[in-house]
PDB file of N, CA and C in Angstrom:
ATOM      1  N   MET A   1       0.923   7.363 -10.669  1.00  0.00           N
ATOM      2  CA  MET A   1       0.881   5.967 -10.315  1.00  0.00           C
ATOM      3  C   MET A   1       1.403   5.799  -8.892  1.00  0.00           C
ATOM      4  N   VAL A   2       0.630   5.060  -8.126  1.00  0.00           N
ATOM      5  CA  VAL A   2       1.083   4.615  -6.816  1.00  0.00           C
ATOM      6  C   VAL A   2       1.742   3.268  -7.066  1.00  0.00           C
ATOM      7  N   LEU A   3       3.019   3.169  -6.746  1.00  0.00           N
ATOM      8  CA  LEU A   3       3.776   1.974  -7.088  1.00  0.00           C
ATOM      9  C   LEU A   3       4.354   1.320  -5.838  1.00  0.00           C
ATOM     10  N   GLY A   4       3.888   0.116  -5.579  1.00  0.00           N
ATOM     11  CA  GLY A   4       4.460  -0.690  -4.507  1.00  0.00           C
ATOM     12  C   GLY A   4       5.442  -1.672  -5.117  1.00  0.00           C
ATOM     13  N   HIS A   5       6.120  -2.426  -4.279  1.00  0.00           N
ATOM     14  CA  HIS A   5       7.016  -3.452  -4.816  1.00  0.00           C
ATOM     15  C   HIS A   5       7.029  -4.652  -3.888  1.00  0.00           C
ATOM     16  N   ASN A   6       7.335  -5.802  -4.460  1.00  0.00           N
ATOM     17  CA  ASN A   6       7.381  -7.015  -3.655  1.00  0.00           C
ATOM     18  C   ASN A   6       8.591  -6.967  -2.723  1.00  0.00           C
ATOM     19  N   ASN A   7       8.538  -7.782  -1.678  1.00  0.00           N
ATOM     20  CA  ASN A   7       9.613  -7.849  -0.673  1.00  0.00           C
ATOM     21  C   ASN A   7       9.907  -6.483  -0.045  1.00  0.00           C
ATOM     22  N   CYS A   8       8.870  -5.730   0.200  1.00  0.00           N
ATOM     23  CA  CYS A   8       9.012  -4.378   0.734  1.00  0.00           C
ATOM     24  C   CYS A   8       9.391  -4.417   2.215  1.00  0.00           C
ATOM     25  N   GLY A   9      10.487  -3.768   2.551  1.00  0.00           N
ATOM     26  CA  GLY A   9      10.943  -3.719   3.929  1.00  0.00           C
ATOM     27  C   GLY A   9       9.983  -2.989   4.848  1.00  0.00           C
ATOM     28  N   ALA A  10       9.329  -1.945   4.355  1.00  0.00           N
ATOM     29  CA  ALA A  10       8.379  -1.198   5.180  1.00  0.00           C
ATOM     30  C   ALA A  10       7.166  -2.052   5.524  1.00  0.00           C
ATOM     31  N   VAL A  11       6.692  -2.826   4.563  1.00  0.00           N
ATOM     32  CA  VAL A  11       5.571  -3.736   4.829  1.00  0.00           C
ATOM     33  C   VAL A  11       6.016  -4.793   5.837  1.00  0.00           C
ATOM     34  N   GLY A  12       7.205  -5.334   5.650  1.00  0.00           N
ATOM     35  CA  GLY A  12       7.735  -6.311   6.595  1.00  0.00           C
ATOM     36  C   GLY A  12       7.846  -5.745   7.998  1.00  0.00           C
ATOM     37  N   ALA A  13       8.287  -4.507   8.094  1.00  0.00           N
ATOM     38  CA  ALA A  13       8.395  -3.848   9.402  1.00  0.00           C
ATOM     39  C   ALA A  13       7.023  -3.650  10.028  1.00  0.00           C
ATOM     40  N   ALA A  14       6.038  -3.287   9.228  1.00  0.00           N
ATOM     41  CA  ALA A  14       4.677  -3.092   9.737  1.00  0.00           C
ATOM     42  C   ALA A  14       4.098  -4.417  10.235  1.00  0.00           C
ATOM     43  N   ILE A  15       4.369  -5.484   9.511  1.00  0.00           N
ATOM     44  CA  ILE A  15       3.899  -6.810   9.936  1.00  0.00           C
ATOM     45  C   ILE A  15       4.556  -7.190  11.259  1.00  0.00           C
ATOM     46  N   LYS A  16       5.859  -6.988  11.355  1.00  0.00           N
ATOM     47  CA  LYS A  16       6.606  -7.317  12.575  1.00  0.00           C
ATOM     48  C   LYS A  16       6.076  -6.522  13.767  1.00  0.00           C
ATOM     49  N   ALA A  17       5.848  -5.230  13.560  1.00  0.00           N
ATOM     50  CA  ALA A  17       5.350  -4.377  14.641  1.00  0.00           C
ATOM     51  C   ALA A  17       3.987  -4.857  15.114  1.00  0.00           C
ATOM     52  N   MET A  18       3.134  -5.257  14.184  1.00  0.00           N
ATOM     53  CA  MET A  18       1.795  -5.699  14.547  1.00  0.00           C
ATOM     54  C   MET A  18       1.848  -7.055  15.257  1.00  0.00           C
ATOM     55  N   GLU A  19       2.679  -7.955  14.769  1.00  0.00           N
ATOM     56  CA  GLU A  19       2.783  -9.283  15.388  1.00  0.00           C
ATOM     57  C   GLU A  19       3.319  -9.199  16.816  1.00  0.00           C
ATOM     58  N   LYS A  20       4.274  -8.304  17.020  1.00  0.00           N
ATOM     59  CA  LYS A  20       4.910  -8.196  18.344  1.00  0.00           C
ATOM     60  C   LYS A  20       4.243  -7.152  19.240  1.00  0.00           C
ATOM     61  N   HIS A  21       3.254  -6.444  18.694  1.00  0.00           N
ATOM     62  CA  HIS A  21       2.543  -5.408  19.447  1.00  0.00           C
ATOM     63  C   HIS A  21       3.511  -4.391  20.042  1.00  0.00           C
ATOM     64  N   GLU A  22       4.437  -3.919  19.192  1.00  0.00           N
ATOM     65  CA  GLU A  22       5.403  -2.935  19.671  1.00  0.00           C
ATOM     66  C   GLU A  22       5.708  -1.911  18.586  1.00  0.00           C
ATOM     67  N   ASP A  23       6.199  -0.774  19.022  1.00  0.00           N
ATOM     68  CA  ASP A  23       6.593   0.278  18.092  1.00  0.00           C
ATOM     69  C   ASP A  23       8.004   0.015  17.585  1.00  0.00           C
ATOM     70  N   LEU A  24       8.273   0.517  16.400  1.00  0.00           N
ATOM     71  CA  LEU A  24       9.598   0.396  15.803  1.00  0.00           C
ATOM     72  C   LEU A  24      10.364   1.698  16.016  1.00  0.00           C
ATOM     73  N   PRO A  25      11.685   1.673  15.929  1.00  0.00           N
ATOM     74  CA  PRO A  25      12.470   2.882  16.180  1.00  0.00           C
ATOM     75  C   PRO A  25      12.364   3.911  15.051  1.00  0.00           C
ATOM     76  N   GLY A  26      12.452   5.160  15.433  1.00  0.00           N
ATOM     77  CA  GLY A  26      12.572   6.262  14.477  1.00  0.00           C
ATOM     78  C   GLY A  26      11.448   6.380  13.476  1.00  0.00           C
ATOM     79  N   HIS A  27      11.822   6.813  12.275  1.00  0.00           N
ATOM     80  CA  HIS A  27      10.841   7.082  11.226  1.00  0.00           C
ATOM     81  C   HIS A  27      10.199   5.812  10.674  1.00  0.00           C
ATOM     82  N   ILE A  28      10.777   4.656  10.954  1.00  0.00           N
ATOM     83  CA  ILE A  28      10.194   3.403  10.463  1.00  0.00           C
ATOM     84  C   ILE A  28       8.800   3.213  11.054  1.00  0.00           C
ATOM     85  N   GLN A  29       8.579   3.656  12.294  1.00  0.00           N
ATOM     86  CA  GLN A  29       7.257   3.526  12.903  1.00  0.00           C
ATOM     87  C   GLN A  29       6.228   4.366  12.160  1.00  0.00           C
ATOM     88  N   ILE A  30       6.621   5.517  11.647  1.00  0.00           N
ATOM     89  CA  ILE A  30       5.690   6.348  10.877  1.00  0.00           C
ATOM     90  C   ILE A  30       5.217   5.589   9.646  1.00  0.00           C
ATOM     91  N   LEU A  31       6.158   4.952   8.951  1.00  0.00           N
ATOM     92  CA  LEU A  31       5.795   4.144   7.781  1.00  0.00           C
ATOM     93  C   LEU A  31       4.941   2.953   8.182  1.00  0.00           C
ATOM     94  N   ALA A  32       5.327   2.263   9.235  1.00  0.00           N
ATOM     95  CA  ALA A  32       4.572   1.093   9.687  1.00  0.00           C
ATOM     96  C   ALA A  32       3.142   1.479  10.061  1.00  0.00           C
ATOM     97  N   SER A  33       2.983   2.611  10.712  1.00  0.00           N
ATOM     98  CA  SER A  33       1.641   3.070  11.091  1.00  0.00           C
ATOM     99  C   SER A  33       0.793   3.379   9.863  1.00  0.00           C
ATOM    100  N   ALA A  34       1.417   3.965   8.848  1.00  0.00           N
ATOM    101  CA  ALA A  34       0.679   4.285   7.621  1.00  0.00           C
ATOM    102  C   ALA A  34       0.250   3.021   6.884  1.00  0.00           C
ATOM    103  N   ILE A  35       1.045   1.977   6.970  1.00  0.00           N
ATOM    104  CA  ILE A  35       0.766   0.722   6.270  1.00  0.00           C
ATOM    105  C   ILE A  35      -0.136  -0.190   7.091  1.00  0.00           C
ATOM    106  N   SER A  36      -0.268   0.064   8.378  1.00  0.00           N
ATOM    107  CA  SER A  36      -0.977  -0.850   9.275  1.00  0.00           C
ATOM    108  C   SER A  36      -2.417  -1.172   8.871  1.00  0.00           C
ATOM    109  N   PRO A  37      -3.210  -0.262   8.291  1.00  0.00           N
ATOM    110  CA  PRO A  37      -4.556  -0.674   7.876  1.00  0.00           C
ATOM    111  C   PRO A  37      -4.524  -1.823   6.853  1.00  0.00           C
ATOM    112  N   ALA A  38      -3.578  -1.768   5.931  1.00  0.00           N
ATOM    113  CA  ALA A  38      -3.451  -2.834   4.941  1.00  0.00           C
ATOM    114  C   ALA A  38      -2.982  -4.130   5.591  1.00  0.00           C
ATOM    115  N   VAL A  39      -2.098  -4.018   6.572  1.00  0.00           N
ATOM    116  CA  VAL A  39      -1.598  -5.206   7.271  1.00  0.00           C
ATOM    117  C   VAL A  39      -2.719  -5.847   8.090  1.00  0.00           C
ATOM    118  N   LYS A  40      -3.501  -5.035   8.785  1.00  0.00           N
ATOM    119  CA  LYS A  40      -4.633  -5.569   9.562  1.00  0.00           C
ATOM    120  C   LYS A  40      -5.582  -6.337   8.652  1.00  0.00           C
ATOM    121  N   GLU A  41      -5.894  -5.748   7.519  1.00  0.00           N
ATOM    122  CA  GLU A  41      -6.792  -6.414   6.573  1.00  0.00           C
ATOM    123  C   GLU A  41      -6.170  -7.704   6.051  1.00  0.00           C
ATOM    124  N   ALA A  42      -4.880  -7.699   5.814  1.00  0.00           N
ATOM    125  CA  ALA A  42      -4.197  -8.896   5.316  1.00  0.00           C
ATOM    126  C   ALA A  42      -4.278 -10.041   6.320  1.00  0.00           C
ATOM    127  N   PHE A  43      -4.084  -9.739   7.601  1.00  0.00           N
ATOM    128  CA  PHE A  43      -4.182 -10.776   8.623  1.00  0.00           C
ATOM    129  C   PHE A  43      -5.586 -11.386   8.655  1.00  0.00           C
ATOM    130  N   GLU A  44      -6.596 -10.559   8.398  1.00  0.00           N
ATOM    131  CA  GLU A  44      -7.979 -11.044   8.411  1.00  0.00           C
ATOM    132  C   GLU A  44      -8.341 -11.812   7.142  1.00  0.00           C
ATOM    133  N   LYS A  45      -7.917 -11.317   5.994  1.00  0.00           N
ATOM    134  CA  LYS A  45      -8.376 -11.868   4.714  1.00  0.00           C
ATOM    135  C   LYS A  45      -7.469 -12.936   4.119  1.00  0.00           C
ATOM    136  N   ASP A  46      -6.154 -12.842   4.346  1.00  0.00           N
ATOM    137  CA  ASP A  46      -5.228 -13.786   3.717  1.00  0.00           C
ATOM    138  C   ASP A  46      -4.020 -14.025   4.621  1.00  0.00           C
ATOM    139  N   PRO A  47      -4.243 -14.703   5.762  1.00  0.00           N
ATOM    140  CA  PRO A  47      -3.157 -14.876   6.725  1.00  0.00           C
ATOM    141  C   PRO A  47      -1.972 -15.697   6.216  1.00  0.00           C
ATOM    142  N   LYS A  48      -2.151 -16.442   5.138  1.00  0.00           N
ATOM    143  CA  LYS A  48      -1.037 -17.224   4.590  1.00  0.00           C
ATOM    144  C   LYS A  48      -0.114 -16.381   3.720  1.00  0.00           C
ATOM    145  N   SER A  49      -0.605 -15.255   3.229  1.00  0.00           N
ATOM    146  CA  SER A  49       0.183 -14.387   2.341  1.00  0.00           C
ATOM    147  C   SER A  49       0.087 -12.935   2.802  1.00  0.00           C
ATOM    148  N   VAL A  50       0.365 -12.711   4.062  1.00  0.00           N
ATOM    149  CA  VAL A  50       0.175 -11.384   4.650  1.00  0.00           C
ATOM    150  C   VAL A  50       0.984 -10.318   3.922  1.00  0.00           C
ATOM    151  N   ALA A  51       2.246 -10.560   3.668  1.00  0.00           N
ATOM    152  CA  ALA A  51       3.090  -9.537   3.048  1.00  0.00           C
ATOM    153  C   ALA A  51       2.598  -9.179   1.648  1.00  0.00           C
ATOM    154  N   GLU A  52       2.277 -10.174   0.846  1.00  0.00           N
ATOM    155  CA  GLU A  52       1.808  -9.890  -0.515  1.00  0.00           C
ATOM    156  C   GLU A  52       0.469  -9.164  -0.495  1.00  0.00           C
ATOM    157  N   TYR A  53      -0.458  -9.660   0.309  1.00  0.00           N
ATOM    158  CA  TYR A  53      -1.777  -9.033   0.386  1.00  0.00           C
ATOM    159  C   TYR A  53      -1.647  -7.603   0.903  1.00  0.00           C
ATOM    160  N   ALA A  54      -0.862  -7.418   1.959  1.00  0.00           N
ATOM    161  CA  ALA A  54      -0.723  -6.083   2.548  1.00  0.00           C
ATOM    162  C   ALA A  54      -0.096  -5.103   1.565  1.00  0.00           C
ATOM    163  N   THR A  55       0.882  -5.559   0.800  1.00  0.00           N
ATOM    164  CA  THR A  55       1.519  -4.688  -0.189  1.00  0.00           C
ATOM    165  C   THR A  55       0.505  -4.235  -1.223  1.00  0.00           C
ATOM    166  N   ARG A  56      -0.263  -5.174  -1.754  1.00  0.00           N
ATOM    167  CA  ARG A  56      -1.280  -4.837  -2.755  1.00  0.00           C
ATOM    168  C   ARG A  56      -2.353  -3.924  -2.167  1.00  0.00           C
ATOM    169  N   GLN A  57      -2.806  -4.245  -0.953  1.00  0.00           N
ATOM    170  CA  GLN A  57      -3.857  -3.440  -0.331  1.00  0.00           C
ATOM    171  C   GLN A  57      -3.353  -2.047   0.001  1.00  0.00           C
ATOM    172  N   ASN A  58      -2.105  -1.923   0.382  1.00  0.00           N
ATOM    173  CA  ASN A  58      -1.549  -0.604   0.659  1.00  0.00           C
ATOM    174  C   ASN A  58      -1.537   0.253  -0.609  1.00  0.00           C
ATOM    175  N   VAL A  59      -1.228  -0.354  -1.747  1.00  0.00           N
ATOM    176  CA  VAL A  59      -1.287   0.378  -3.017  1.00  0.00           C
ATOM    177  C   VAL A  59      -2.728   0.828  -3.261  1.00  0.00           C
ATOM    178  N   ARG A  60      -3.686  -0.093  -3.115  1.00  0.00           N
ATOM    179  CA  ARG A  60      -5.101   0.264  -3.333  1.00  0.00           C
ATOM    180  C   ARG A  60      -5.525   1.405  -2.416  1.00  0.00           C
ATOM    181  N   ASN A  61      -5.175   1.300  -1.134  1.00  0.00           N
ATOM    182  CA  ASN A  61      -5.558   2.339  -0.170  1.00  0.00           C
ATOM    183  C   ASN A  61      -4.993   3.699  -0.565  1.00  0.00           C
ATOM    184  N   ASN A  62      -3.753   3.723  -1.030  1.00  0.00           N
ATOM    185  CA  ASN A  62      -3.127   4.993  -1.395  1.00  0.00           C
ATOM    186  C   ASN A  62      -3.654   5.549  -2.713  1.00  0.00           C
ATOM    187  N   VAL A  63      -4.055   4.690  -3.629  1.00  0.00           N
ATOM    188  CA  VAL A  63      -4.707   5.167  -4.853  1.00  0.00           C
ATOM    189  C   VAL A  63      -5.997   5.896  -4.479  1.00  0.00           C
ATOM    190  N   ILE A  64      -6.778   5.281  -3.619  1.00  0.00           N
ATOM    191  CA  ILE A  64      -8.045   5.893  -3.203  1.00  0.00           C
ATOM    192  C   ILE A  64      -7.794   7.214  -2.482  1.00  0.00           C
ATOM    193  N   LYS A  65      -6.822   7.233  -1.562  1.00  0.00           N
ATOM    194  CA  LYS A  65      -6.487   8.473  -0.840  1.00  0.00           C
ATOM    195  C   LYS A  65      -6.068   9.575  -1.803  1.00  0.00           C
ATOM    196  N   LEU A  66      -5.262   9.215  -2.789  1.00  0.00           N
ATOM    197  CA  LEU A  66      -4.780  10.211  -3.743  1.00  0.00           C
ATOM    198  C   LEU A  66      -5.919  10.723  -4.625  1.00  0.00           C
ATOM    199  N   ARG A  67      -6.764   9.818  -5.104  1.00  0.00           N
ATOM    200  CA  ARG A  67      -7.899  10.224  -5.940  1.00  0.00           C
ATOM    201  C   ARG A  67      -8.835  11.178  -5.211  1.00  0.00           C
ATOM    202  N   GLU A  68      -9.015  10.958  -3.913  1.00  0.00           N
ATOM    203  CA  GLU A  68      -9.990  11.726  -3.138  1.00  0.00           C
ATOM    204  C   GLU A  68      -9.355  12.790  -2.248  1.00  0.00           C
ATOM    205  N   GLY A  69      -8.024  12.896  -2.292  1.00  0.00           N
ATOM    206  CA  GLY A  69      -7.298  13.726  -1.345  1.00  0.00           C
ATOM    207  C   GLY A  69      -7.562  15.204  -1.422  1.00  0.00           C
ATOM    208  N   THR A  70      -7.668  15.737  -2.608  1.00  0.00           N
ATOM    209  CA  THR A  70      -7.932  17.172  -2.763  1.00  0.00           C
ATOM    210  C   THR A  70      -8.983  17.367  -3.834  1.00  0.00           C
ATOM    211  N   SER A  71      -9.669  18.485  -3.759  1.00  0.00           N
ATOM    212  CA  SER A  71     -10.698  18.752  -4.761  1.00  0.00           C
ATOM    213  C   SER A  71     -10.078  18.932  -6.144  1.00  0.00           C
ATOM    214  N   LEU A  72      -8.873  19.449  -6.209  1.00  0.00           N
ATOM    215  CA  LEU A  72      -8.187  19.627  -7.489  1.00  0.00           C
ATOM    216  C   LEU A  72      -8.017  18.281  -8.197  1.00  0.00           C
ATOM    217  N   ILE A  73      -7.516  17.295  -7.472  1.00  0.00           N
ATOM    218  CA  ILE A  73      -7.309  15.978  -8.069  1.00  0.00           C
ATOM    219  C   ILE A  73      -8.633  15.265  -8.287  1.00  0.00           C
ATOM    220  N   SER A  74      -9.488  15.240  -7.286  1.00  0.00           N
ATOM    221  CA  SER A  74     -10.742  14.491  -7.413  1.00  0.00           C
ATOM    222  C   SER A  74     -11.610  15.024  -8.546  1.00  0.00           C
ATOM    223  N   GLN A  75     -11.604  16.320  -8.765  1.00  0.00           N
ATOM    224  CA  GLN A  75     -12.392  16.889  -9.861  1.00  0.00           C
ATOM    225  C   GLN A  75     -11.825  16.462 -11.211  1.00  0.00           C
ATOM    226  N   ARG A  76     -10.522  16.472 -11.343  1.00  0.00           N
ATOM    227  CA  ARG A  76      -9.901  16.051 -12.607  1.00  0.00           C
ATOM    228  C   ARG A  76     -10.119  14.558 -12.857  1.00  0.00           C
ATOM    229  N   VAL A  77     -10.105  13.764 -11.807  1.00  0.00           N
ATOM    230  CA  VAL A  77     -10.419  12.333 -11.957  1.00  0.00           C
ATOM    231  C   VAL A  77     -11.866  12.181 -12.417  1.00  0.00           C
ATOM    232  N   ALA A  78     -12.787  12.908 -11.792  1.00  0.00           N
ATOM    233  CA  ALA A  78     -14.207  12.832 -12.154  1.00  0.00           C
ATOM    234  C   ALA A  78     -14.444  13.281 -13.590  1.00  0.00           C
ATOM    235  N   ASP A  79     -13.661  14.257 -14.051  1.00  0.00           N
ATOM    236  CA  ASP A  79     -13.808  14.776 -15.419  1.00  0.00           C
ATOM    237  C   ASP A  79     -12.990  13.980 -16.445  1.00  0.00           C
ATOM    238  N   ASN A  80     -12.392  12.876 -16.010  1.00  0.00           N
ATOM    239  CA  ASN A  80     -11.545  12.039 -16.877  1.00  0.00           C
ATOM    240  C   ASN A  80     -10.368  12.802 -17.488  1.00  0.00           C
ATOM    241  N   GLN A  81      -9.868  13.780 -16.753  1.00  0.00           N
ATOM    242  CA  GLN A  81      -8.684  14.512 -17.184  1.00  0.00           C
ATOM    243  C   GLN A  81      -7.424  13.942 -16.545  1.00  0.00           C
ATOM    244  N   LEU A  82      -7.625  13.092 -15.548  1.00  0.00           N
ATOM    245  CA  LEU A  82      -6.512  12.533 -14.805  1.00  0.00           C
ATOM    246  C   LEU A  82      -6.875  11.124 -14.361  1.00  0.00           C
ATOM    247  N   LYS A  83      -5.919  10.231 -14.440  1.00  0.00           N
ATOM    248  CA  LYS A  83      -6.103   8.876 -13.922  1.00  0.00           C
ATOM    249  C   LYS A  83      -5.074   8.650 -12.829  1.00  0.00           C
ATOM    250  N   VAL A  84      -5.518   8.066 -11.750  1.00  0.00           N
ATOM    251  CA  VAL A  84      -4.632   7.657 -10.673  1.00  0.00           C
ATOM    252  C   VAL A  84      -4.740   6.142 -10.615  1.00  0.00           C
ATOM    253  N   VAL A  85      -3.636   5.469 -10.862  1.00  0.00           N
ATOM    254  CA  VAL A  85      -3.638   4.013 -10.922  1.00  0.00           C
ATOM    255  C   VAL A  85      -2.602   3.453  -9.956  1.00  0.00           C
ATOM    256  N   GLY A  86      -2.728   2.167  -9.683  1.00  0.00           N
ATOM    257  CA  GLY A  86      -1.791   1.492  -8.808  1.00  0.00           C
ATOM    258  C   GLY A  86      -1.044   0.403  -9.543  1.00  0.00           C
ATOM    259  N   GLY A  87       0.143   0.127  -9.079  1.00  0.00           N
ATOM    260  CA  GLY A  87       0.939  -0.930  -9.677  1.00  0.00           C
ATOM    261  C   GLY A  87       1.815  -1.606  -8.640  1.00  0.00           C
ATOM    262  N   LEU A  88       2.240  -2.806  -8.996  1.00  0.00           N
ATOM    263  CA  LEU A  88       3.151  -3.562  -8.156  1.00  0.00           C
ATOM    264  C   LEU A  88       4.373  -3.910  -8.982  1.00  0.00           C
ATOM    265  N   TYR A  89       5.520  -3.403  -8.558  1.00  0.00           N
ATOM    266  CA  TYR A  89       6.779  -3.642  -9.258  1.00  0.00           C
ATOM    267  C   TYR A  89       7.405  -4.927  -8.740  1.00  0.00           C
ATOM    268  N   ASN A  90       7.720  -5.833  -9.645  1.00  0.00           N
ATOM    269  CA  ASN A  90       8.377  -7.084  -9.287  1.00  0.00           C
ATOM    270  C   ASN A  90       9.885  -6.869  -9.400  1.00  0.00           C
ATOM    271  N   LEU A  91      10.564  -6.918  -8.279  1.00  0.00           N
ATOM    272  CA  LEU A  91      12.008  -6.648  -8.249  1.00  0.00           C
ATOM    273  C   LEU A  91      12.800  -7.654  -9.073  1.00  0.00           C
ATOM    274  N   LYS A  92      12.334  -8.880  -9.148  1.00  0.00           N
ATOM    275  CA  LYS A  92      13.057  -9.927  -9.869  1.00  0.00           C
ATOM    276  C   LYS A  92      12.922  -9.784 -11.379  1.00  0.00           C
ATOM    277  N   THR A  93      11.694  -9.505 -11.852  1.00  0.00           N
ATOM    278  CA  THR A  93      11.462  -9.461 -13.299  1.00  0.00           C
ATOM    279  C   THR A  93      11.548  -8.062 -13.884  1.00  0.00           C
ATOM    280  N   GLY A  94      11.405  -7.045 -13.051  1.00  0.00           N
ATOM    281  CA  GLY A  94      11.397  -5.673 -13.548  1.00  0.00           C
ATOM    282  C   GLY A  94      10.069  -5.271 -14.158  1.00  0.00           C
ATOM    283  N   ARG A  95       9.068  -6.105 -14.022  1.00  0.00           N
ATOM    284  CA  ARG A  95       7.739  -5.800 -14.595  1.00  0.00           C
ATOM    285  C   ARG A  95       6.833  -5.148 -13.563  1.00  0.00           C
ATOM    286  N   VAL A  96       5.907  -4.341 -14.073  1.00  0.00           N
ATOM    287  CA  VAL A  96       4.901  -3.709 -13.231  1.00  0.00           C
ATOM    288  C   VAL A  96       3.546  -4.304 -13.576  1.00  0.00           C
ATOM    289  N   GLU A  97       2.866  -4.790 -12.536  1.00  0.00           N
ATOM    290  CA  GLU A  97       1.509  -5.326 -12.672  1.00  0.00           C
ATOM    291  C   GLU A  97       0.541  -4.253 -12.209  1.00  0.00           C
ATOM    292  N   LEU A  98      -0.443  -3.912 -13.028  1.00  0.00           N
ATOM    293  CA  LEU A  98      -1.442  -2.935 -12.610  1.00  0.00           C
ATOM    294  C   LEU A  98      -2.366  -3.573 -11.580  1.00  0.00           C
ATOM    295  N   ILE A  99      -2.772  -2.774 -10.607  1.00  0.00           N
ATOM    296  CA  ILE A  99      -3.647  -3.231  -9.521  1.00  0.00           C
ATOM    297  C   ILE A  99      -4.918  -2.386  -9.548  1.00  0.00           C
ATOM    298  N   ASP A 100      -6.059  -3.033  -9.610  1.00  0.00           N
ATOM    299  CA  ASP A 100      -7.335  -2.319  -9.566  1.00  0.00           C
ATOM    300  C   ASP A 100      -7.577  -1.788  -8.160  1.00  0.00           C
ATOM    301  N   ALA A 101      -8.100  -0.586  -8.108  1.00  0.00           N
ATOM    302  CA  ALA A 101      -8.424  -0.008  -6.794  1.00  0.00           C
ATOM    303  C   ALA A 101      -9.873   0.396  -6.750  1.00  0.00           C
TER     304      ALA A 101
END
């Protein structure tokens, strides 16, 4: 399971970096860069809820990457021997919502 969570600091940092057109210090920039495709899409598709949309889209993007990442995994997914799913953990309620990818 690829598991994201609401109020994610890394997503917030990626949004901040994109809004200000600047790099972040240290390893945070590596995370922000990895999340940036989801943030870009969020700004285009749902500018009123960028953080929520980007968090969900980042989970979807990583589910797809994981499913297709290696022939070992992709073959097992194709043969229904393995499922790769996404979820969003709600910090307040402790519940996980499954996300379609």
